[in-house]
PDB file of N, CA and C in Angstrom:
ATOM      1  N   MET A   1      93.528  32.092  90.456  1.00  0.00           N
ATOM      2  CA  MET A   1      92.305  32.215  89.686  1.00  0.00           C
ATOM      3  C   MET A   1      91.657  33.571  89.988  1.00  0.00           C
ATOM      4  N   LYS A   2      91.289  34.263  88.959  1.00  0.00           N
ATOM      5  CA  LYS A   2      90.677  35.573  89.122  1.00  0.00           C
ATOM      6  C   LYS A   2      89.193  35.392  89.433  1.00  0.00           C
ATOM      7  N   GLU A   3      88.754  35.977  90.543  1.00  0.00           N
ATOM      8  CA  GLU A   3      87.351  35.859  90.912  1.00  0.00           C
ATOM      9  C   GLU A   3      86.567  37.035  90.362  1.00  0.00           C
ATOM     10  N   ARG A   4      85.346  36.774  90.074  1.00  0.00           N
ATOM     11  CA  ARG A   4      84.482  37.810  89.526  1.00  0.00           C
ATOM     12  C   ARG A   4      83.655  38.400  90.657  1.00  0.00           C
ATOM     13  N   PHE A   5      83.613  39.718  90.726  1.00  0.00           N
ATOM     14  CA  PHE A   5      82.861  40.390  91.773  1.00  0.00           C
ATOM     15  C   PHE A   5      81.817  41.315  91.162  1.00  0.00           C
ATOM     16  N   GLU A   6      80.717  41.415  91.847  1.00  0.00           N
ATOM     17  CA  GLU A   6      79.705  42.399  91.512  1.00  0.00           C
ATOM     18  C   GLU A   6      79.628  43.367  92.692  1.00  0.00           C
ATOM     19  N   HIS A   7      79.236  44.568  92.442  1.00  0.00           N
ATOM     20  CA  HIS A   7      79.156  45.535  93.533  1.00  0.00           C
ATOM     21  C   HIS A   7      77.793  45.470  94.191  1.00  0.00           C
ATOM     22  N   ALA A   8      77.835  45.343  95.494  1.00  0.00           N
ATOM     23  CA  ALA A   8      76.611  45.354  96.290  1.00  0.00           C
ATOM     24  C   ALA A   8      76.103  46.795  96.362  1.00  0.00           C
ATOM     25  N   PRO A   9      74.858  46.990  96.744  1.00  0.00           N
ATOM     26  CA  PRO A   9      74.326  48.352  96.839  1.00  0.00           C
ATOM     27  C   PRO A   9      75.159  49.254  97.747  1.00  0.00           C
ATOM     28  N   THR A  10      75.877  48.674  98.702  1.00  0.00           N
ATOM     29  CA  THR A  10      76.688  49.475  99.618  1.00  0.00           C
ATOM     30  C   THR A  10      78.004  49.889  98.984  1.00  0.00           C
ATOM     31  N   GLY A  11      78.311  49.388  97.799  1.00  0.00           N
ATOM     32  CA  GLY A  11      79.557  49.721  97.137  1.00  0.00           C
ATOM     33  C   GLY A  11      80.658  48.713  97.391  1.00  0.00           C
ATOM     34  N   GLU A  12      80.405  47.759  98.294  1.00  0.00           N
ATOM     35  CA  GLU A  12      81.405  46.735  98.575  1.00  0.00           C
ATOM     36  C   GLU A  12      81.281  45.618  97.529  1.00  0.00           C
ATOM     37  N   PRO A  13      82.418  45.095  97.087  1.00  0.00           N
ATOM     38  CA  PRO A  13      82.328  43.993  96.137  1.00  0.00           C
ATOM     39  C   PRO A  13      81.841  42.717  96.815  1.00  0.00           C
ATOM     40  N   ARG A  14      81.084  41.951  96.101  1.00  0.00           N
ATOM     41  CA  ARG A  14      80.649  40.640  96.587  1.00  0.00           C
ATOM     42  C   ARG A  14      80.856  39.638  95.472  1.00  0.00           C
ATOM     43  N   LYS A  15      81.007  38.387  95.846  1.00  0.00           N
ATOM     44  CA  LYS A  15      81.181  37.341  94.846  1.00  0.00           C
ATOM     45  C   LYS A  15      79.884  37.154  94.083  1.00  0.00           C
ATOM     46  N   SER A  16      80.012  36.897  92.779  1.00  0.00           N
ATOM     47  CA  SER A  16      78.815  36.777  91.947  1.00  0.00           C
ATOM     48  C   SER A  16      78.159  35.410  92.072  1.00  0.00           C
ATOM     49  N   GLY A  17      78.844  34.453  92.687  1.00  0.00           N
ATOM     50  CA  GLY A  17      78.281  33.116  92.794  1.00  0.00           C
ATOM     51  C   GLY A  17      78.437  32.318  91.518  1.00  0.00           C
ATOM     52  N   ARG A  18      79.325  32.757  90.625  1.00  0.00           N
ATOM     53  CA  ARG A  18      79.527  32.084  89.346  1.00  0.00           C
ATOM     54  C   ARG A  18      80.992  31.734  89.118  1.00  0.00           C
ATOM     55  N   PRO A  19      81.665  31.140  90.086  1.00  0.00           N
ATOM     56  CA  PRO A  19      83.077  30.836  89.858  1.00  0.00           C
ATOM     57  C   PRO A  19      83.238  29.756  88.795  1.00  0.00           C
ATOM     58  N   GLY A  20      84.197  29.976  87.890  1.00  0.00           N
ATOM     59  CA  GLY A  20      84.484  28.972  86.872  1.00  0.00           C
ATOM     60  C   GLY A  20      83.451  28.875  85.768  1.00  0.00           C
ATOM     61  N   ARG A  21      82.464  29.701  85.767  1.00  0.00           N
ATOM     62  CA  ARG A  21      81.424  29.649  84.740  1.00  0.00           C
ATOM     63  C   ARG A  21      81.804  30.510  83.559  1.00  0.00           C
ATOM     64  N   SER A  22      81.211  30.223  82.432  1.00  0.00           N
ATOM     65  CA  SER A  22      81.474  31.028  81.240  1.00  0.00           C
ATOM     66  C   SER A  22      80.794  32.389  81.362  1.00  0.00           C
ATOM     67  N   ARG A  23      81.249  33.291  80.513  1.00  0.00           N
ATOM     68  CA  ARG A  23      80.707  34.647  80.560  1.00  0.00           C
ATOM     69  C   ARG A  23      79.307  34.702  79.972  1.00  0.00           C
ATOM     70  N   ARG A  24      78.607  35.746  80.328  1.00  0.00           N
ATOM     71  CA  ARG A  24      77.286  35.987  79.758  1.00  0.00           C
ATOM     72  C   ARG A  24      77.433  36.646  78.399  1.00  0.00           C
ATOM     73  N   TRP A  25      76.360  36.585  77.626  1.00  0.00           N
ATOM     74  CA  TRP A  25      76.346  37.191  76.292  1.00  0.00           C
ATOM     75  C   TRP A  25      76.679  38.686  76.384  1.00  0.00           C
ATOM     76  N   ALA A  26      76.139  39.346  77.376  1.00  0.00           N
ATOM     77  CA  ALA A  26      76.363  40.784  77.530  1.00  0.00           C
ATOM     78  C   ALA A  26      77.819  41.105  77.871  1.00  0.00           C
ATOM     79  N   ASP A  27      78.563  40.134  78.412  1.00  0.00           N
ATOM     80  CA  ASP A  27      79.967  40.352  78.750  1.00  0.00           C
ATOM     81  C   ASP A  27      80.874  40.313  77.520  1.00  0.00           C
ATOM     82  N   LEU A  28      80.378  39.790  76.411  1.00  0.00           N
ATOM     83  CA  LEU A  28      81.194  39.664  75.204  1.00  0.00           C
ATOM     84  C   LEU A  28      81.216  40.983  74.437  1.00  0.00           C
ATOM     85  N   THR A  29      82.324  41.213  73.756  1.00  0.00           N
ATOM     86  CA  THR A  29      82.407  42.406  72.916  1.00  0.00           C
ATOM     87  C   THR A  29      81.541  42.192  71.672  1.00  0.00           C
ATOM     88  N   PRO A  30      81.159  43.255  70.988  1.00  0.00           N
ATOM     89  CA  PRO A  30      80.373  43.081  69.755  1.00  0.00           C
ATOM     90  C   PRO A  30      81.092  42.207  68.729  1.00  0.00           C
ATOM     91  N   ARG A  31      82.407  42.310  68.653  1.00  0.00           N
ATOM     92  CA  ARG A  31      83.152  41.472  67.707  1.00  0.00           C
ATOM     93  C   ARG A  31      83.057  39.984  68.094  1.00  0.00           C
ATOM     94  N   GLN A  32      83.191  39.673  69.383  1.00  0.00           N
ATOM     95  CA  GLN A  32      83.060  38.295  69.843  1.00  0.00           C
ATOM     96  C   GLN A  32      81.653  37.765  69.590  1.00  0.00           C
ATOM     97  N   GLN A  33      80.658  38.603  69.800  1.00  0.00           N
ATOM     98  CA  GLN A  33      79.286  38.195  69.521  1.00  0.00           C
ATOM     99  C   GLN A  33      79.104  37.887  68.039  1.00  0.00           C
ATOM    100  N   ALA A  34      79.672  38.729  67.173  1.00  0.00           N
ATOM    101  CA  ALA A  34      79.554  38.518  65.732  1.00  0.00           C
ATOM    102  C   ALA A  34      80.249  37.226  65.311  1.00  0.00           C
ATOM    103  N   VAL A  35      81.418  36.956  65.874  1.00  0.00           N
ATOM    104  CA  VAL A  35      82.141  35.725  65.539  1.00  0.00           C
ATOM    105  C   VAL A  35      81.340  34.506  65.982  1.00  0.00           C
ATOM    106  N   LEU A  36      80.797  34.542  67.190  1.00  0.00           N
ATOM    107  CA  LEU A  36      80.003  33.415  67.679  1.00  0.00           C
ATOM    108  C   LEU A  36      78.752  33.186  66.836  1.00  0.00           C
ATOM    109  N   LEU A  37      78.075  34.265  66.461  1.00  0.00           N
ATOM    110  CA  LEU A  37      76.882  34.119  65.621  1.00  0.00           C
ATOM    111  C   LEU A  37      77.235  33.565  64.246  1.00  0.00           C
ATOM    112  N   THR A  38      78.358  33.986  63.690  1.00  0.00           N
ATOM    113  CA  THR A  38      78.794  33.474  62.391  1.00  0.00           C
ATOM    114  C   THR A  38      79.113  31.995  62.476  1.00  0.00           C
ATOM    115  N   LEU A  39      79.886  31.601  63.486  1.00  0.00           N
ATOM    116  CA  LEU A  39      80.242  30.182  63.640  1.00  0.00           C
ATOM    117  C   LEU A  39      79.012  29.318  63.913  1.00  0.00           C
ATOM    118  N   ALA A  40      78.092  29.832  64.706  1.00  0.00           N
ATOM    119  CA  ALA A  40      76.866  29.076  64.994  1.00  0.00           C
ATOM    120  C   ALA A  40      76.027  28.902  63.734  1.00  0.00           C
ATOM    121  N   SER A  41      75.960  29.922  62.896  1.00  0.00           N
ATOM    122  CA  SER A  41      75.164  29.798  61.668  1.00  0.00           C
ATOM    123  C   SER A  41      75.825  28.828  60.686  1.00  0.00           C
ATOM    124  N   VAL A  42      77.147  28.827  60.624  1.00  0.00           N
ATOM    125  CA  VAL A  42      77.849  27.862  59.761  1.00  0.00           C
ATOM    126  C   VAL A  42      77.604  26.444  60.267  1.00  0.00           C
ATOM    127  N   GLU A  43      77.708  26.250  61.569  1.00  0.00           N
ATOM    128  CA  GLU A  43      77.472  24.925  62.155  1.00  0.00           C
ATOM    129  C   GLU A  43      76.044  24.450  61.906  1.00  0.00           C
ATOM    130  N   LEU A  44      75.083  25.336  62.080  1.00  0.00           N
ATOM    131  CA  LEU A  44      73.682  24.984  61.841  1.00  0.00           C
ATOM    132  C   LEU A  44      73.448  24.651  60.369  1.00  0.00           C
ATOM    133  N   SER A  45      74.048  25.417  59.470  1.00  0.00           N
ATOM    134  CA  SER A  45      73.901  25.160  58.036  1.00  0.00           C
ATOM    135  C   SER A  45      74.494  23.815  57.645  1.00  0.00           C
ATOM    136  N   LEU A  46      75.694  23.517  58.152  1.00  0.00           N
ATOM    137  CA  LEU A  46      76.316  22.222  57.851  1.00  0.00           C
ATOM    138  C   LEU A  46      75.472  21.065  58.375  1.00  0.00           C
ATOM    139  N   THR A  47      74.977  21.197  59.601  1.00  0.00           N
ATOM    140  CA  THR A  47      74.175  20.125  60.188  1.00  0.00           C
ATOM    141  C   THR A  47      72.868  19.935  59.427  1.00  0.00           C
ATOM    142  N   ALA A  48      72.207  21.019  59.063  1.00  0.00           N
ATOM    143  CA  ALA A  48      70.946  20.914  58.319  1.00  0.00           C
ATOM    144  C   ALA A  48      71.180  20.308  56.937  1.00  0.00           C
ATOM    145  N   THR A  49      72.232  20.736  56.273  1.00  0.00           N
ATOM    146  CA  THR A  49      72.551  20.191  54.949  1.00  0.00           C
ATOM    147  C   THR A  49      72.828  18.701  55.033  1.00  0.00           C
ATOM    148  N   ALA A  50      73.629  18.298  56.014  1.00  0.00           N
ATOM    149  CA  ALA A  50      73.960  16.883  56.172  1.00  0.00           C
ATOM    150  C   ALA A  50      72.724  16.056  56.531  1.00  0.00           C
ATOM    151  N   ALA A  51      71.865  16.586  57.400  1.00  0.00           N
ATOM    152  CA  ALA A  51      70.668  15.848  57.809  1.00  0.00           C
ATOM    153  C   ALA A  51      69.700  15.661  56.648  1.00  0.00           C
ATOM    154  N   VAL A  52      69.476  16.701  55.867  1.00  0.00           N
ATOM    155  CA  VAL A  52      68.571  16.584  54.709  1.00  0.00           C
ATOM    156  C   VAL A  52      69.159  15.615  53.686  1.00  0.00           C
ATOM    157  N   ASP A  53      70.460  15.714  53.444  1.00  0.00           N
ATOM    158  CA  ASP A  53      71.106  14.817  52.496  1.00  0.00           C
ATOM    159  C   ASP A  53      71.010  13.364  52.965  1.00  0.00           C
ATOM    160  N   LEU A  54      71.254  13.132  54.241  1.00  0.00           N
ATOM    161  CA  LEU A  54      71.174  11.767  54.776  1.00  0.00           C
ATOM    162  C   LEU A  54      69.745  11.232  54.694  1.00  0.00           C
ATOM    163  N   PHE A  55      68.772  12.083  54.946  1.00  0.00           N
ATOM    164  CA  PHE A  55      67.375  11.655  54.877  1.00  0.00           C
ATOM    165  C   PHE A  55      66.975  11.277  53.451  1.00  0.00           C
ATOM    166  N   LEU A  56      67.409  12.058  52.469  1.00  0.00           N
ATOM    167  CA  LEU A  56      66.985  11.845  51.086  1.00  0.00           C
ATOM    168  C   LEU A  56      67.849  10.847  50.318  1.00  0.00           C
ATOM    169  N   ARG A  57      69.076  10.637  50.748  1.00  0.00           N
ATOM    170  CA  ARG A  57      69.997   9.777  50.001  1.00  0.00           C
ATOM    171  C   ARG A  57      69.669   8.304  50.250  1.00  0.00           C
ATOM    172  N   PRO A  58      69.564   7.491  49.186  1.00  0.00           N
ATOM    173  CA  PRO A  58      69.318   6.055  49.372  1.00  0.00           C
ATOM    174  C   PRO A  58      70.527   5.379  50.020  1.00  0.00           C
ATOM    175  N   GLN A  59      70.247   4.312  50.747  1.00  0.00           N
ATOM    176  CA  GLN A  59      71.294   3.563  51.442  1.00  0.00           C
ATOM    177  C   GLN A  59      72.406   3.108  50.496  1.00  0.00           C
ATOM    178  N   THR A  60      72.040   2.786  49.267  1.00  0.00           N
ATOM    179  CA  THR A  60      73.028   2.289  48.311  1.00  0.00           C
ATOM    180  C   THR A  60      74.059   3.340  47.918  1.00  0.00           C
ATOM    181  N   ARG A  61      73.758   4.609  48.170  1.00  0.00           N
ATOM    182  CA  ARG A  61      74.691   5.682  47.827  1.00  0.00           C
ATOM    183  C   ARG A  61      75.407   6.240  49.042  1.00  0.00           C
ATOM    184  N   LEU A  62      75.504   5.414  50.097  1.00  0.00           N
ATOM    185  CA  LEU A  62      76.210   5.802  51.314  1.00  0.00           C
ATOM    186  C   LEU A  62      77.304   4.792  51.635  1.00  0.00           C
ATOM    187  N   ARG A  63      78.358   5.274  52.251  1.00  0.00           N
ATOM    188  CA  ARG A  63      79.369   4.387  52.822  1.00  0.00           C
ATOM    189  C   ARG A  63      78.947   4.151  54.269  1.00  0.00           C
ATOM    190  N   GLY A  64      78.587   2.927  54.600  1.00  0.00           N
ATOM    191  CA  GLY A  64      78.085   2.618  55.935  1.00  0.00           C
ATOM    192  C   GLY A  64      76.569   2.681  55.987  1.00  0.00           C
ATOM    193  N   HIS A  65      76.027   2.406  57.164  1.00  0.00           N
ATOM    194  CA  HIS A  65      74.570   2.380  57.342  1.00  0.00           C
ATOM    195  C   HIS A  65      74.053   3.739  57.794  1.00  0.00           C
ATOM    196  N   LYS A  66      72.856   4.062  57.345  1.00  0.00           N
ATOM    197  CA  LYS A  66      72.229   5.327  57.745  1.00  0.00           C
ATOM    198  C   LYS A  66      72.102   5.417  59.259  1.00  0.00           C
ATOM    199  N   SER A  67      71.765   4.304  59.884  1.00  0.00           N
ATOM    200  CA  SER A  67      71.561   4.310  61.335  1.00  0.00           C
ATOM    201  C   SER A  67      72.835   4.676  62.098  1.00  0.00           C
ATOM    202  N   LEU A  68      73.986   4.493  61.483  1.00  0.00           N
ATOM    203  CA  LEU A  68      75.238   4.884  62.133  1.00  0.00           C
ATOM    204  C   LEU A  68      75.619   6.328  61.843  1.00  0.00           C
ATOM    205  N   TRP A  69      75.131   6.864  60.746  1.00  0.00           N
ATOM    206  CA  TRP A  69      75.462   8.250  60.398  1.00  0.00           C
ATOM    207  C   TRP A  69      74.621   9.256  61.166  1.00  0.00           C
ATOM    208  N   TRP A  70      73.385   8.895  61.549  1.00  0.00           N
ATOM    209  CA  TRP A  70      72.550   9.843  62.286  1.00  0.00           C
ATOM    210  C   TRP A  70      73.200  10.302  63.587  1.00  0.00           C
ATOM    211  N   PRO A  71      73.699   9.385  64.434  1.00  0.00           N
ATOM    212  CA  PRO A  71      74.358   9.870  65.658  1.00  0.00           C
ATOM    213  C   PRO A  71      75.622  10.675  65.369  1.00  0.00           C
ATOM    214  N   ALA A  72      76.276  10.386  64.264  1.00  0.00           N
ATOM    215  CA  ALA A  72      77.494  11.130  63.919  1.00  0.00           C
ATOM    216  C   ALA A  72      77.191  12.603  63.656  1.00  0.00           C
ATOM    217  N   LEU A  73      75.998  12.901  63.175  1.00  0.00           N
ATOM    218  CA  LEU A  73      75.643  14.290  62.897  1.00  0.00           C
ATOM    219  C   LEU A  73      75.532  15.123  64.174  1.00  0.00           C
ATOM    220  N   VAL A  74      75.367  14.461  65.313  1.00  0.00           N
ATOM    221  CA  VAL A  74      75.227  15.165  66.579  1.00  0.00           C
ATOM    222  C   VAL A  74      76.587  15.631  67.107  1.00  0.00           C
ATOM    223  N   VAL A  75      77.656  14.994  66.681  1.00  0.00           N
ATOM    224  CA  VAL A  75      78.990  15.351  67.138  1.00  0.00           C
ATOM    225  C   VAL A  75      79.405  16.641  66.430  1.00  0.00           C
ATOM    226  N   GLN A  76      79.269  17.755  67.139  1.00  0.00           N
ATOM    227  CA  GLN A  76      79.505  19.065  66.534  1.00  0.00           C
ATOM    228  C   GLN A  76      80.943  19.507  66.719  1.00  0.00           C
ATOM    229  N   PRO A  77      81.535  20.159  65.792  1.00  0.00           N
ATOM    230  CA  PRO A  77      81.117  20.428  64.429  1.00  0.00           C
ATOM    231  C   PRO A  77      81.624  19.379  63.454  1.00  0.00           C
ATOM    232  N   PHE A  78      82.293  18.339  63.964  1.00  0.00           N
ATOM    233  CA  PHE A  78      82.987  17.395  63.090  1.00  0.00           C
ATOM    234  C   PHE A  78      82.078  16.393  62.398  1.00  0.00           C
ATOM    235  N   GLY A  79      80.982  15.979  63.040  1.00  0.00           N
ATOM    236  CA  GLY A  79      80.099  14.974  62.465  1.00  0.00           C
ATOM    237  C   GLY A  79      79.556  15.342  61.096  1.00  0.00           C
ATOM    238  N   PRO A  80      78.927  16.507  60.942  1.00  0.00           N
ATOM    239  CA  PRO A  80      78.413  16.889  59.630  1.00  0.00           C
ATOM    240  C   PRO A  80      79.511  17.039  58.578  1.00  0.00           C
ATOM    241  N   ILE A  81      80.668  17.543  58.980  1.00  0.00           N
ATOM    242  CA  ILE A  81      81.772  17.703  58.031  1.00  0.00           C
ATOM    243  C   ILE A  81      82.264  16.345  57.553  1.00  0.00           C
ATOM    244  N   VAL A  82      82.424  15.403  58.482  1.00  0.00           N
ATOM    245  CA  VAL A  82      82.874  14.053  58.114  1.00  0.00           C
ATOM    246  C   VAL A  82      81.840  13.379  57.223  1.00  0.00           C
ATOM    247  N   TYR A  83      80.557  13.540  57.567  1.00  0.00           N
ATOM    248  CA  TYR A  83      79.507  12.943  56.736  1.00  0.00           C
ATOM    249  C   TYR A  83      79.573  13.495  55.314  1.00  0.00           C
ATOM    250  N   LEU A  84      79.604  14.817  55.185  1.00  0.00           N
ATOM    251  CA  LEU A  84      79.594  15.425  53.855  1.00  0.00           C
ATOM    252  C   LEU A  84      80.851  15.081  53.059  1.00  0.00           C
ATOM    253  N   ALA A  85      81.970  14.888  53.742  1.00  0.00           N
ATOM    254  CA  ALA A  85      83.229  14.609  53.046  1.00  0.00           C
ATOM    255  C   ALA A  85      83.416  13.130  52.724  1.00  0.00           C
ATOM    256  N   LEU A  86      82.957  12.233  53.601  1.00  0.00           N
ATOM    257  CA  LEU A  86      83.314  10.818  53.454  1.00  0.00           C
ATOM    258  C   LEU A  86      82.161   9.848  53.233  1.00  0.00           C
ATOM    259  N   ALA A  87      80.988  10.147  53.725  1.00  0.00           N
ATOM    260  CA  ALA A  87      79.912   9.153  53.727  1.00  0.00           C
ATOM    261  C   ALA A  87      79.218   8.995  52.391  1.00  0.00           C
ATOM    262  N   ARG A  88      79.186  10.038  51.602  1.00  0.00           N
ATOM    263  CA  ARG A  88      78.407  10.005  50.367  1.00  0.00           C
ATOM    264  C   ARG A  88      79.205   9.396  49.224  1.00  0.00           C
ATOM    265  N   ARG A  89      78.575   8.480  48.539  1.00  0.00           N
ATOM    266  CA  ARG A  89      79.160   7.919  47.318  1.00  0.00           C
ATOM    267  C   ARG A  89      78.698   8.741  46.128  1.00  0.00           C
ATOM    268  N   PRO A  90      79.583   9.046  45.210  1.00  0.00           N
ATOM    269  CA  PRO A  90      79.154   9.815  44.036  1.00  0.00           C
ATOM    270  C   PRO A  90      78.242   8.971  43.136  1.00  0.00           C
ATOM    271  N   ARG A  91      77.459   9.654  42.357  1.00  0.00           N
ATOM    272  CA  ARG A  91      76.608   8.946  41.395  1.00  0.00           C
ATOM    273  C   ARG A  91      77.487   8.266  40.352  1.00  0.00           C
ATOM    274  N   GLU A  92      77.056   7.108  39.956  1.00  0.00           N
ATOM    275  CA  GLU A  92      77.790   6.414  38.912  1.00  0.00           C
ATOM    276  C   GLU A  92      77.434   7.054  37.582  1.00  0.00           C
ATOM    277  N   SER A  93      78.432   7.446  36.856  1.00  0.00           N
ATOM    278  CA  SER A  93      78.162   8.076  35.561  1.00  0.00           C
ATOM    279  C   SER A  93      77.802   7.008  34.545  1.00  0.00           C
ATOM    280  N   SER A  94      76.820   7.316  33.741  1.00  0.00           N
ATOM    281  CA  SER A  94      76.394   6.355  32.722  1.00  0.00           C
ATOM    282  C   SER A  94      77.323   6.454  31.512  1.00  0.00           C
ATOM    283  N   PRO A  95      77.707   5.309  30.955  1.00  0.00           N
ATOM    284  CA  PRO A  95      78.588   5.352  29.794  1.00  0.00           C
ATOM    285  C   PRO A  95      77.886   5.990  28.602  1.00  0.00           C
ATOM    286  N   SER A  96      78.581   6.838  27.896  1.00  0.00           N
ATOM    287  CA  SER A  96      77.967   7.509  26.743  1.00  0.00           C
ATOM    288  C   SER A  96      78.417   6.884  25.457  1.00  0.00           C
TER     289      SER A  96
END
């Protein structure tokens, strides 16, 4: 396992005290930061869309109970995608 060291004022390396931890935002390249921000915004958009839809949609137009879909929205990123793909019943078209 590669250990992370920071330089002490004397120039000697010392352990950072963060073994096994994820990197800091500043440690990421600009491209990695852009990818993370893009994915986070997509995830937030999907979750917000699913939550508003679940709040406004009547129970009769859902597969399953609303009370079971709310916790599913917390399971990121799959919950909102599953809700939007499977939980909603289409409107019944009126015969013309």
